[in-house]
């Protein structure tokens, strides 16, 4: 194989790999979330969908029938922040720390109330 053919072959392989990287679906994992609003009987469960980047989304359901959706980002390799919006109009923000590969803890505010949660099993 001549040097010009080898160069074309390498270019072809590089283009194929780039195409695969941009067309394959993003991989993600789902982790359970459990938590409670401090000083109240309100609890919630849900799941966080975490993408390869470490960022993701979450959905929560409270024991009072409220559903909340949110997004989060990692600001360091072990810490992140996020926001949540509930269908009853409450808006919240939170911070979390990963305590293992698939676990973590966090806290924040939802409306005017403090809440805390655990991620993972």
C-alpha atoms as a PDB file:
ATOM      1  CA  UNK A   1       0.000   0.000   0.000  1.00  0.00           C
ATOM      2  CA  UNK A   2       1.504   3.360  -1.023  1.00  0.00           C
ATOM      3  CA  UNK A   3       1.833   6.271   1.361  1.00  0.00           C
ATOM      4  CA  UNK A   4      -0.991   8.123  -0.378  1.00  0.00           C
ATOM      5  CA  UNK A   5      -3.317   5.105   0.019  1.00  0.00           C
ATOM      6  CA  UNK A   6      -2.389   4.761   3.700  1.00  0.00           C
ATOM      7  CA  UNK A   7      -3.190   8.439   4.227  1.00  0.00           C
ATOM      8  CA  UNK A   8      -6.574   8.025   2.504  1.00  0.00           C
ATOM      9  CA  UNK A   9      -7.296   4.895   4.564  1.00  0.00           C
ATOM     10  CA  UNK A  10      -6.473   6.704   7.830  1.00  0.00           C
ATOM     11  CA  UNK A  11      -8.647   9.645   6.795  1.00  0.00           C
ATOM     12  CA  UNK A  12     -11.513   7.244   5.991  1.00  0.00           C
ATOM     13  CA  UNK A  13     -11.194   5.530   9.414  1.00  0.00           C
ATOM     14  CA  UNK A  14     -11.031   8.887  11.218  1.00  0.00           C
ATOM     15  CA  UNK A  15     -14.166  10.116   9.419  1.00  0.00           C
ATOM     16  CA  UNK A  16     -15.972   6.870  10.262  1.00  0.00           C
ATOM     17  CA  UNK A  17     -15.077   7.137  13.946  1.00  0.00           C
ATOM     18  CA  UNK A  18     -16.161  10.778  14.056  1.00  0.00           C
ATOM     19  CA  UNK A  19     -19.472   9.898  12.406  1.00  0.00           C
ATOM     20  CA  UNK A  20     -20.068   7.121  14.940  1.00  0.00           C
ATOM     21  CA  UNK A  21     -19.281   9.443  17.853  1.00  0.00           C
ATOM     22  CA  UNK A  22     -21.857  11.976  16.691  1.00  0.00           C
ATOM     23  CA  UNK A  23     -24.600   9.542  15.714  1.00  0.00           C
ATOM     24  CA  UNK A  24     -24.565   6.998  18.539  1.00  0.00           C
ATOM     25  CA  UNK A  25     -27.148   7.747  21.217  1.00  0.00           C
ATOM     26  CA  UNK A  26     -25.854   9.281  24.411  1.00  0.00           C
ATOM     27  CA  UNK A  27     -25.436   6.707  27.151  1.00  0.00           C
ATOM     28  CA  UNK A  28     -27.038   7.379  30.510  1.00  0.00           C
ATOM     29  CA  UNK A  29     -27.840   5.658  33.772  1.00  0.00           C
ATOM     30  CA  UNK A  30     -30.860   6.101  36.024  1.00  0.00           C
ATOM     31  CA  UNK A  31     -30.460   6.368  39.778  1.00  0.00           C
ATOM     32  CA  UNK A  32     -33.184   6.417  42.433  1.00  0.00           C
ATOM     33  CA  UNK A  33     -33.756   9.542  44.527  1.00  0.00           C
ATOM     34  CA  UNK A  34     -35.417   9.669  47.965  1.00  0.00           C
ATOM     35  CA  UNK A  35     -35.897  12.691  50.143  1.00  0.00           C
ATOM     36  CA  UNK A  36     -38.001  14.827  52.400  1.00  0.00           C
ATOM     37  CA  UNK A  37     -38.963  18.411  53.049  1.00  0.00           C
ATOM     38  CA  UNK A  38     -37.600  19.342  56.474  1.00  0.00           C
ATOM     39  CA  UNK A  39     -40.158  20.133  59.159  1.00  0.00           C
ATOM     40  CA  UNK A  40     -43.022  18.668  57.135  1.00  0.00           C
ATOM     41  CA  UNK A  41     -44.606  15.326  56.338  1.00  0.00           C
ATOM     42  CA  UNK A  42     -43.839  15.784  52.624  1.00  0.00           C
ATOM     43  CA  UNK A  43     -41.543  13.139  51.147  1.00  0.00           C
ATOM     44  CA  UNK A  44     -40.571  12.367  47.587  1.00  0.00           C
ATOM     45  CA  UNK A  45     -39.123   9.653  45.400  1.00  0.00           C
ATOM     46  CA  UNK A  46     -37.961   9.719  41.827  1.00  0.00           C
ATOM     47  CA  UNK A  47     -35.054   9.151  39.520  1.00  0.00           C
ATOM     48  CA  UNK A  48     -32.068  11.014  38.192  1.00  0.00           C
ATOM     49  CA  UNK A  49     -30.891  10.343  34.650  1.00  0.00           C
ATOM     50  CA  UNK A  50     -27.142  10.911  34.512  1.00  0.00           C
ATOM     51  CA  UNK A  51     -25.375  11.241  31.147  1.00  0.00           C
ATOM     52  CA  UNK A  52     -21.723  10.443  30.442  1.00  0.00           C
ATOM     53  CA  UNK A  53     -20.863  14.095  31.031  1.00  0.00           C
ATOM     54  CA  UNK A  54     -22.115  13.802  34.629  1.00  0.00           C
ATOM     55  CA  UNK A  55     -24.940  16.262  33.985  1.00  0.00           C
ATOM     56  CA  UNK A  56     -28.545  15.171  33.833  1.00  0.00           C
ATOM     57  CA  UNK A  57     -32.201  15.532  34.633  1.00  0.00           C
ATOM     58  CA  UNK A  58     -34.540  14.360  37.356  1.00  0.00           C
ATOM     59  CA  UNK A  59     -38.183  13.706  37.995  1.00  0.00           C
ATOM     60  CA  UNK A  60     -39.712  13.570  41.482  1.00  0.00           C
ATOM     61  CA  UNK A  61     -43.140  12.662  42.843  1.00  0.00           C
ATOM     62  CA  UNK A  62     -44.204  13.720  46.337  1.00  0.00           C
ATOM     63  CA  UNK A  63     -46.475  11.834  48.715  1.00  0.00           C
ATOM     64  CA  UNK A  64     -48.888  14.769  48.240  1.00  0.00           C
ATOM     65  CA  UNK A  65     -49.324  14.095  44.516  1.00  0.00           C
ATOM     66  CA  UNK A  66     -47.004  16.828  43.206  1.00  0.00           C
ATOM     67  CA  UNK A  67     -44.611  16.121  40.317  1.00  0.00           C
ATOM     68  CA  UNK A  68     -41.356  18.032  39.907  1.00  0.00           C
ATOM     69  CA  UNK A  69     -38.859  18.118  37.027  1.00  0.00           C
ATOM     70  CA  UNK A  70     -35.332  19.461  37.097  1.00  0.00           C
ATOM     71  CA  UNK A  71     -31.840  19.549  35.669  1.00  0.00           C
ATOM     72  CA  UNK A  72     -28.406  19.448  37.241  1.00  0.00           C
ATOM     73  CA  UNK A  73     -24.760  19.960  36.315  1.00  0.00           C
ATOM     74  CA  UNK A  74     -21.498  19.017  37.945  1.00  0.00           C
ATOM     75  CA  UNK A  75     -19.411  22.054  38.904  1.00  0.00           C
ATOM     76  CA  UNK A  76     -16.483  19.871  40.046  1.00  0.00           C
ATOM     77  CA  UNK A  77     -15.878  16.154  39.706  1.00  0.00           C
ATOM     78  CA  UNK A  78     -17.752  15.492  42.992  1.00  0.00           C
ATOM     79  CA  UNK A  79     -20.119  18.458  43.420  1.00  0.00           C
ATOM     80  CA  UNK A  80     -23.054  19.785  41.481  1.00  0.00           C
ATOM     81  CA  UNK A  81     -26.016  22.127  41.461  1.00  0.00           C
ATOM     82  CA  UNK A  82     -29.458  22.077  39.956  1.00  0.00           C
ATOM     83  CA  UNK A  83     -32.926  23.525  39.735  1.00  0.00           C
ATOM     84  CA  UNK A  84     -36.363  21.982  40.014  1.00  0.00           C
ATOM     85  CA  UNK A  85     -39.847  23.163  39.027  1.00  0.00           C
ATOM     86  CA  UNK A  86     -42.960  21.535  40.468  1.00  0.00           C
ATOM     87  CA  UNK A  87     -46.400  21.378  38.884  1.00  0.00           C
ATOM     88  CA  UNK A  88     -47.835  23.230  41.912  1.00  0.00           C
ATOM     89  CA  UNK A  89     -45.692  26.261  40.962  1.00  0.00           C
ATOM     90  CA  UNK A  90     -42.874  25.832  43.462  1.00  0.00           C
ATOM     91  CA  UNK A  91     -39.391  26.526  42.164  1.00  0.00           C
ATOM     92  CA  UNK A  92     -36.309  25.177  43.866  1.00  0.00           C
ATOM     93  CA  UNK A  93     -32.556  24.891  43.739  1.00  0.00           C
ATOM     94  CA  UNK A  94     -30.168  22.371  45.243  1.00  0.00           C
ATOM     95  CA  UNK A  95     -26.558  21.327  45.626  1.00  0.00           C
ATOM     96  CA  UNK A  96     -25.230  17.787  45.886  1.00  0.00           C
ATOM     97  CA  UNK A  97     -22.062  15.839  46.579  1.00  0.00           C
ATOM     98  CA  UNK A  98     -21.308  12.463  45.057  1.00  0.00           C
ATOM     99  CA  UNK A  99     -20.282   9.993  47.738  1.00  0.00           C
ATOM    100  CA  UNK A 100     -19.524   7.085  45.429  1.00  0.00           C
ATOM    101  CA  UNK A 101     -19.709   6.105  41.798  1.00  0.00           C
ATOM    102  CA  UNK A 102     -23.501   5.821  41.849  1.00  0.00           C
ATOM    103  CA  UNK A 103     -24.529   7.629  45.037  1.00  0.00           C
ATOM    104  CA  UNK A 104     -24.684  11.031  46.657  1.00  0.00           C
ATOM    105  CA  UNK A 105     -26.481  13.376  49.016  1.00  0.00           C
ATOM    106  CA  UNK A 106     -27.842  16.858  48.636  1.00  0.00           C
ATOM    107  CA  UNK A 107     -30.013  19.625  49.978  1.00  0.00           C
ATOM    108  CA  UNK A 108     -31.676  22.793  48.854  1.00  0.00           C
ATOM    109  CA  UNK A 109     -34.813  24.904  48.899  1.00  0.00           C
ATOM    110  CA  UNK A 110     -38.142  24.240  47.257  1.00  0.00           C
ATOM    111  CA  UNK A 111     -40.422  27.219  47.529  1.00  0.00           C
ATOM    112  CA  UNK A 112     -39.596  28.556  50.995  1.00  0.00           C
ATOM    113  CA  UNK A 113     -38.841  25.156  52.533  1.00  0.00           C
ATOM    114  CA  UNK A 114     -35.587  23.258  52.987  1.00  0.00           C
ATOM    115  CA  UNK A 115     -35.298  19.750  51.603  1.00  0.00           C
ATOM    116  CA  UNK A 116     -32.679  17.013  51.585  1.00  0.00           C
ATOM    117  CA  UNK A 117     -32.224  13.917  49.439  1.00  0.00           C
ATOM    118  CA  UNK A 118     -30.170  10.829  48.751  1.00  0.00           C
ATOM    119  CA  UNK A 119     -29.191   9.569  45.311  1.00  0.00           C
ATOM    120  CA  UNK A 120     -28.543   5.886  44.620  1.00  0.00           C
ATOM    121  CA  UNK A 121     -29.282   2.751  46.552  1.00  0.00           C
END
